[in-house]
Each structure stands twice: as C-alpha cells, then as structure tokens.
C-alpha cells in the first residue's frame, strides 16, 4: 500500500479549529503528516527495529503502544525472527484498520505475527514483554496517568527487557528553547506547510498533546522502576530514550 496522500487538513480556514483527533481524516494522511512534521522520523522508526533485533530473542513478545498505522510494528517485523510477535495497540479504529490493511497488502509479512487491538493502552495487559514501544504516544496520555502506565510496562517486561520512549519534549526557557521552536517551524515550512496550516495544527494540538521537560521524563522513568535509561536519539525537540529493567 502506497502512503502518498498529501496532508492538507489544516489548510482550510473556515470554522473554528477542533481539538486534534486520530480520526479517519488524520489516518488517511498520517504517513505524510508525520514525515513532514517530525524531524528524523524515518531514522527513529528504523533504529527502533534495530533495537528490537538486539533484545527480542526467539519467541519474544513485543508491544507497540499507540501504534497508529504500524510503522514501528512493521520495522520490528522486518528486523526480528519469524517467531517474534508484536501486539499493536491503538484506541483509534481508523488507525487499526489502516494497519491491518497495510499488513495484508505486504506479501512478505506474516500477519499471524501481529495481534492488533483497538483499545486504550492504559487498560490492556502487558505480559512477558521483551520490548515495549511508546512512540510519540505518552504525550497524549493525561499527565496524572503517565507514571502508572510506565509502572505497568515495567512490571510486564521480562528480565533484560527494554522500553523505547519517544516524545516531543517541552522546549526549555530562553534562547535554547527559542531555537528549537523556530527551527521546528522552519522544518515544517521547508516541507511545504503553509503558515495557516502550521498555526491551525498548533491550535488543534493545544491541550491534546502535552509535552514535558527532558528532566521530568527521566525522573519518571526512574520512579517507575527502570534501573537506567539513555537518550539515544534527538532531532530538534523530539527525543527517544531506551530504558531497561
């Protein structure tokens, strides 16, 4: 399945801006949206698959929480043995349907390796996991629920299991934060987004995507019971950690 639909959702000036929602319209343009909005996204996804190859041994189970259309799920499948399985979870029916369609369209993919769940990631059981991925997902979970989710993930990991956490972080005060914010907007302009689209999407995400500081994320990982973590990826104000049991 070709992901060629252009994201023009926020180029329409009519009417008030609705809060961002992972509905069928977003699912339709999501590959283009994330490519043009998140610097380094392809590298982040590809490296996540390489981490899976390191930690997911024979018969391992992985979880992709907030999987959207399954870019990370498919990266894991490509990099691991045929007896490694992935539980791909998203609460948006359009995203799960899109993932299922993509898996079915890829002749080389064994769809029996993937269990797709349309569910709230805060309510599912996480059991015997070698790898759990939260790829730009925790930022959409209410702040007061984030620690509990990480604690459940930690409890569901096998010895030697790891968590990949990727987030947009809150820009620091002062000149450093100004640079990150300005360059991210420049990145979107360079990828063809109009000033109108940038402004309307920012308004749609306000109070839906709640970023936090790097320090807050790292404090919470330790509080959740992970014995260590490392920042292994950063592109502008997007960062990913590897946290281990």
Protein backbone atom coordinates (compact mmCIF):
# COMPACT_ATOMS: atom_id res chain seq x y z
CA UNK A 1 0.00 0.00 0.00
CA UNK A 2 1.42 3.36 -1.06
CA UNK A 3 1.35 6.15 1.51
CA UNK A 4 1.04 9.08 -0.92
CA UNK A 5 -1.98 11.08 0.30
CA UNK A 6 -0.89 14.67 0.96
CA UNK A 7 -1.72 16.24 4.31
CA UNK A 8 -3.79 19.35 3.66
CA UNK A 9 -6.11 19.04 6.65
CA UNK A 10 -5.14 22.34 8.22
CA UNK A 11 -5.04 24.43 5.05
CA UNK A 12 -8.74 25.15 5.39
CA UNK A 13 -9.52 28.48 7.05
CA UNK A 14 -13.26 28.02 7.51
CA UNK A 15 -14.64 27.50 11.00
CA UNK A 16 -13.00 27.15 14.40
CA UNK A 17 -10.12 24.73 14.93
CA UNK A 18 -11.28 21.48 16.52
CA UNK A 19 -9.06 19.61 19.00
CA UNK A 20 -6.76 17.18 17.22
CA UNK A 21 -8.20 13.68 16.90
CA UNK A 22 -6.83 10.50 15.33
CA UNK A 23 -9.90 10.05 13.14
CA UNK A 24 -10.32 8.73 9.60
CA UNK A 25 -9.20 12.03 8.05
CA UNK A 26 -5.94 12.00 10.02
CA UNK A 27 -5.37 8.29 9.32
CA UNK A 28 -5.74 8.94 5.59
CA UNK A 29 -2.87 11.48 5.53
CA UNK A 30 -0.89 10.32 8.57
CA UNK A 31 2.25 8.99 6.81
CA UNK A 32 2.69 12.31 5.00
CA UNK A 33 1.80 14.29 8.13
CA UNK A 34 4.34 12.60 10.37
CA UNK A 35 7.08 12.67 7.72
CA UNK A 36 6.67 16.41 7.22
CA UNK A 37 6.11 17.27 10.90
CA UNK A 38 8.56 15.12 12.88
CA UNK A 39 12.24 15.60 12.02
CA UNK A 40 14.16 12.33 11.84
CA UNK A 41 11.01 10.18 11.98
CA UNK A 42 12.23 7.60 9.45
CA UNK A 43 15.50 7.16 11.34
CA UNK A 44 13.66 6.86 14.66
CA UNK A 45 11.45 4.09 13.27
CA UNK A 46 14.33 2.26 11.61
CA UNK A 47 16.52 2.34 14.70
CA UNK A 48 13.63 1.05 16.80
CA UNK A 49 13.64 -2.05 14.62
CA UNK A 50 17.37 -2.48 15.20
CA UNK A 51 16.84 -2.26 18.95
CA UNK A 52 14.18 -4.96 18.61
CA UNK A 53 16.68 -7.18 16.82
CA UNK A 54 19.02 -6.83 19.82
CA UNK A 55 16.50 -7.55 22.59
CA UNK A 56 13.79 -9.75 21.04
CA UNK A 57 15.14 -13.28 21.06
CA UNK A 58 13.43 -16.49 19.89
CA UNK A 59 9.72 -16.49 20.72
CA UNK A 60 9.80 -12.96 22.17
CA UNK A 61 6.74 -10.74 22.51
CA UNK A 62 6.86 -7.02 21.71
CA UNK A 63 4.27 -4.31 22.26
CA UNK A 64 3.72 -1.23 20.08
CA UNK A 65 1.50 1.01 22.21
CA UNK A 66 -0.19 3.80 20.30
CA UNK A 67 0.85 2.05 17.10
CA UNK A 68 -1.06 4.33 14.67
CA UNK A 69 -0.56 2.80 11.19
CA UNK A 70 2.15 0.47 12.43
CA UNK A 71 5.42 1.97 11.20
CA UNK A 72 7.26 0.68 14.28
CA UNK A 73 5.40 -2.63 14.24
CA UNK A 74 6.49 -3.25 10.67
CA UNK A 75 10.06 -2.19 11.48
CA UNK A 76 10.14 -4.76 14.30
CA UNK A 77 8.80 -7.46 11.98
CA UNK A 78 11.46 -6.73 9.39
CA UNK A 79 14.32 -6.95 11.89
CA UNK A 80 13.34 -9.97 14.00
CA UNK A 81 12.93 -13.71 13.56
CA UNK A 82 9.68 -15.20 12.35
CA UNK A 83 8.69 -16.46 15.81
CA UNK A 84 8.80 -12.96 17.36
CA UNK A 85 5.31 -11.50 17.80
CA UNK A 86 4.01 -7.95 18.15
CA UNK A 87 0.93 -6.73 20.00
CA UNK A 88 -0.05 -3.49 18.23
CA UNK A 89 -2.48 -1.32 20.19
CA UNK A 90 -4.28 1.91 19.32
CA UNK A 91 -7.57 3.38 20.51
CA UNK A 92 -8.40 4.87 17.09
CA UNK A 93 -10.38 2.45 14.90
CA UNK A 94 -9.18 4.19 11.73
CA UNK A 95 -5.56 3.59 12.69
CA UNK A 96 -6.09 -0.10 13.48
CA UNK A 97 -8.00 -0.59 10.24
CA UNK A 98 -5.20 1.15 8.33
CA UNK A 99 -2.56 -1.04 9.98
CA UNK A 100 -4.48 -4.19 9.17
CA UNK A 101 -4.80 -3.12 5.53
CA UNK A 102 -1.08 -2.41 5.29
CA UNK A 103 -0.14 -5.76 6.79
CA UNK A 104 -2.48 -7.56 4.40
CA UNK A 105 -1.01 -5.71 1.42
CA UNK A 106 2.58 -6.66 2.21
CA UNK A 107 3.04 -10.11 0.71
CA UNK A 108 6.28 -10.72 2.63
CA UNK A 109 4.65 -10.05 6.02
CA UNK A 110 3.34 -12.92 8.13
CA UNK A 111 0.22 -11.28 9.57
CA UNK A 112 -0.09 -14.04 12.15
CA UNK A 113 2.87 -12.45 13.95
CA UNK A 114 0.79 -9.37 14.79
CA UNK A 115 -2.12 -9.10 17.20
CA UNK A 116 -3.95 -5.83 16.59
CA UNK A 117 -6.03 -4.37 19.42
CA UNK A 118 -8.32 -1.36 19.25
CA UNK A 119 -8.11 -0.46 22.92
CA UNK A 120 -6.95 2.09 25.47
CA UNK A 121 -3.27 1.40 26.20
CA UNK A 122 -3.98 2.15 29.86
CA UNK A 123 -6.31 -0.83 30.15
CA UNK A 124 -4.55 -3.68 28.34
CA UNK A 125 -2.44 -6.36 30.00
CA UNK A 126 1.30 -6.20 29.32
CA UNK A 127 2.83 -9.63 29.90
CA UNK A 128 6.20 -11.27 29.25
CA UNK A 129 7.38 -8.43 27.03
CA UNK A 130 10.92 -8.22 25.72
CA UNK A 131 10.25 -4.80 24.17
CA UNK A 132 7.60 -2.14 24.67
CA UNK A 133 7.46 0.91 22.41
CA UNK A 134 5.74 4.21 23.19
CA UNK A 135 6.48 6.13 20.00
CA UNK A 136 5.12 9.69 20.35
CA UNK A 137 2.28 8.27 22.45
CA UNK A 138 2.82 9.12 26.12
CA UNK A 139 2.39 12.82 25.30
CA UNK A 140 -1.30 12.14 24.56
CA UNK A 141 -1.87 10.37 27.91
CA UNK A 142 -3.07 12.59 30.78
CA UNK A 143 -0.07 13.64 32.86
CA UNK A 144 -1.51 12.18 36.04
CA UNK A 145 -1.79 8.75 34.37
CA UNK A 146 1.71 8.60 32.88
CA UNK A 147 3.56 7.20 35.88
CA UNK A 148 1.02 4.41 36.37
CA UNK A 149 1.33 3.38 32.72
CA UNK A 150 5.12 3.26 32.92
CA UNK A 151 4.94 1.22 36.13
CA UNK A 152 2.66 -1.30 34.42
CA UNK A 153 5.04 -1.50 31.47
CA UNK A 154 8.00 -2.04 33.80
CA UNK A 155 6.14 -4.81 35.62
CA UNK A 156 5.29 -6.51 32.31
CA UNK A 157 8.85 -6.65 30.99
CA UNK A 158 10.93 -9.80 31.26
CA UNK A 159 14.43 -9.55 32.80
CA UNK A 160 16.58 -7.78 30.23
CA UNK A 161 13.52 -6.25 28.56
CA UNK A 162 13.51 -2.63 27.44
CA UNK A 163 11.20 0.29 26.81
CA UNK A 164 11.58 2.67 23.89
CA UNK A 165 10.03 6.03 24.78
CA UNK A 166 9.94 8.70 22.08
CA UNK A 167 8.42 12.11 22.82
CA UNK A 168 8.23 15.69 21.76
CA UNK A 169 9.65 17.48 24.80
CA UNK A 170 8.81 20.90 26.15
CA UNK A 171 11.30 23.46 24.90
CA UNK A 172 13.42 24.97 27.68
CA UNK A 173 13.17 28.63 28.60
CA UNK A 174 15.36 31.19 26.91
CA UNK A 175 17.40 31.18 23.75
CA UNK A 176 17.78 27.38 23.57
CA UNK A 177 14.04 26.89 23.53
CA UNK A 178 13.57 29.69 21.03
CA UNK A 179 15.99 27.98 18.64
CA UNK A 180 14.22 24.62 18.91
CA UNK A 181 10.77 26.12 18.40
CA UNK A 182 11.88 28.29 15.48
CA UNK A 183 13.75 25.50 13.73
CA UNK A 184 10.82 23.10 14.07
CA UNK A 185 8.56 25.65 12.38
CA UNK A 186 11.22 26.14 9.70
CA UNK A 187 11.33 22.36 9.19
CA UNK A 188 7.59 22.31 8.53
CA UNK A 189 7.79 25.29 6.17
CA UNK A 190 10.62 23.61 4.27
CA UNK A 191 8.36 20.56 3.87
CA UNK A 192 5.62 22.62 2.26
CA UNK A 193 3.31 23.50 5.13
CA UNK A 194 1.70 26.92 4.90
CA UNK A 195 1.65 29.45 7.73
CA UNK A 196 -2.08 28.80 8.04
CA UNK A 197 -1.59 25.04 8.35
CA UNK A 198 1.18 25.43 10.94
CA UNK A 199 -0.92 27.79 13.06
CA UNK A 200 -4.12 25.76 12.85
CA UNK A 201 -2.41 22.47 13.66
CA UNK A 202 -0.66 24.09 16.65
CA UNK A 203 -4.07 25.26 17.90
CA UNK A 204 -5.60 21.81 17.33
CA UNK A 205 -2.89 20.10 19.37
CA UNK A 206 -3.04 22.55 22.26
CA UNK A 207 -4.34 20.79 25.40
CA UNK A 208 -4.28 17.45 23.48
CA UNK A 209 -0.53 16.90 23.15
CA UNK A 210 1.05 17.90 26.48
CA UNK A 211 4.86 17.87 26.32
CA UNK A 212 7.11 17.74 29.38
CA UNK A 213 10.75 18.52 30.04
CA UNK A 214 13.57 16.05 29.49
CA UNK A 215 14.23 16.04 33.23
CA UNK A 216 10.63 15.19 34.07
CA UNK A 217 10.61 12.23 31.69
CA UNK A 218 13.87 10.88 33.12
CA UNK A 219 12.73 11.35 36.71
CA UNK A 220 9.54 9.43 35.93
CA UNK A 221 11.38 6.55 34.26
CA UNK A 222 13.43 6.10 37.42
CA UNK A 223 10.35 6.39 39.63
CA UNK A 224 8.60 3.74 37.53
CA UNK A 225 11.34 1.26 38.43
CA UNK A 226 13.65 1.27 35.43
CA UNK A 227 17.23 0.82 36.60
CA UNK A 228 18.69 3.03 33.88
CA UNK A 229 17.97 4.92 30.69
CA UNK A 230 19.83 6.64 27.88
CA UNK A 231 18.86 9.23 25.30
CA UNK A 232 19.70 7.51 22.02
CA UNK A 233 18.00 9.83 19.54
CA UNK A 234 17.28 13.52 19.23
CA UNK A 235 16.23 15.72 16.33
CA UNK A 236 15.27 19.24 17.36
CA UNK A 237 12.63 18.90 20.11
CA UNK A 238 11.98 15.20 19.54
CA UNK A 239 13.88 12.70 21.66
CA UNK A 240 13.89 8.97 22.36
CA UNK A 241 15.09 7.04 25.39
CA UNK A 242 15.96 3.41 25.91
CA UNK A 243 15.06 2.33 29.47
CA UNK A 244 15.94 -1.07 30.90
CA UNK A 245 14.91 -3.33 33.73
